[in-house]
Amino acid sequence: MQIVSIGEVLWDVFDQNEFLGGAPLNFAANAQRLGNSVTLLTAVGADARGQKALEKMRALGLTTNTPLERR
């Protein structure tokens, strides 16, 4: 099944711990784990947390195409 999830990616910060989350991301990651073809339409900042979010999304098996990436 092909699925499109649209919405935010955010960081939950508790004391010194940071967790990548957001309902659209969580949904996309779980749907991907179940064998679906998932596209997550979102944006991340051009900063350290944005880069870390991309790395974690790739680790979850999500494709991270960045057509508007600054060069």
Protein backbone atom coordinates (compact mmCIF):
# COMPACT_ATOMS: atom_id res chain seq x y z
CA MET A 1 0.00 0.00 0.00
CA GLN A 2 1.22 3.52 -0.75
CA ILE A 3 0.78 6.01 2.10
CA VAL A 4 1.44 9.74 2.39
CA SER A 5 1.81 11.20 5.87
CA ILE A 6 1.83 15.00 6.11
CA GLY A 7 2.86 17.03 9.12
CA GLU A 8 5.44 17.95 11.69
CA VAL A 9 8.61 16.32 12.87
CA LEU A 10 9.57 17.55 16.30
CA TRP A 11 11.90 16.93 19.19
CA ASP A 12 10.60 16.03 22.63
CA VAL A 13 13.18 17.33 25.10
CA PHE A 14 13.18 16.05 28.69
CA ASP A 15 16.07 17.25 30.83
CA GLN A 16 19.15 16.15 28.86
CA ASN A 17 17.30 13.65 26.63
CA GLU A 18 15.97 14.37 23.13
CA PHE A 19 13.51 12.10 21.32
CA LEU A 20 12.46 12.49 17.70
CA GLY A 21 8.70 12.41 17.35
CA GLY A 22 5.53 13.96 16.05
CA ALA A 23 2.38 12.00 15.20
CA PRO A 24 2.92 12.10 11.38
CA LEU A 25 6.51 10.81 11.77
CA ASN A 26 5.49 8.10 14.23
CA PHE A 27 2.68 7.00 11.91
CA ALA A 28 5.00 6.96 8.87
CA ALA A 29 7.71 4.97 10.67
CA ASN A 30 5.24 2.34 11.90
CA ALA A 31 3.51 2.04 8.53
CA GLN A 32 6.95 1.58 6.91
CA ARG A 33 7.82 -1.15 9.44
CA LEU A 34 4.64 -2.96 8.42
CA GLY A 35 5.86 -3.13 4.82
CA ASN A 36 4.04 -0.18 3.26
CA SER A 37 5.57 2.32 0.86
CA VAL A 38 5.48 5.57 2.86
CA THR A 39 6.16 9.17 1.92
CA LEU A 40 6.47 11.65 4.79
CA LEU A 41 5.91 15.21 3.62
CA THR A 42 7.53 17.50 6.18
CA ALA A 43 10.39 19.93 6.65
CA VAL A 44 13.34 20.14 9.01
CA GLY A 45 15.60 23.05 9.86
CA ALA A 46 19.00 23.63 8.30
CA ASP A 47 20.69 23.19 11.66
CA ALA A 48 22.20 20.43 13.79
CA ARG A 49 18.84 19.13 14.99
CA GLY A 50 17.53 19.12 11.41
CA GLN A 51 20.49 17.02 10.27
CA LYS A 52 20.08 14.69 13.24
CA ALA A 53 16.37 14.31 12.42
CA LEU A 54 17.24 13.30 8.84
CA GLU A 55 19.73 10.72 10.11
CA LYS A 56 17.17 9.23 12.50
CA MET A 57 14.48 9.15 9.80
CA ARG A 58 16.86 7.24 7.51
CA ALA A 59 17.58 4.82 10.36
CA LEU A 60 13.81 4.23 10.62
CA GLY A 61 13.75 3.23 6.95
CA LEU A 62 12.17 6.44 5.66
CA THR A 63 13.44 8.04 2.48
CA THR A 64 14.75 11.56 2.96
CA ASN A 65 14.76 13.40 -0.33
CA THR A 66 15.73 17.02 0.15
CA PRO A 67 14.86 18.84 -3.10
CA LEU A 68 15.00 22.26 -1.47
CA GLU A 69 18.25 21.63 0.35
CA ARG A 70 20.47 24.69 0.55
CA ARG A 71 23.66 24.39 -1.42
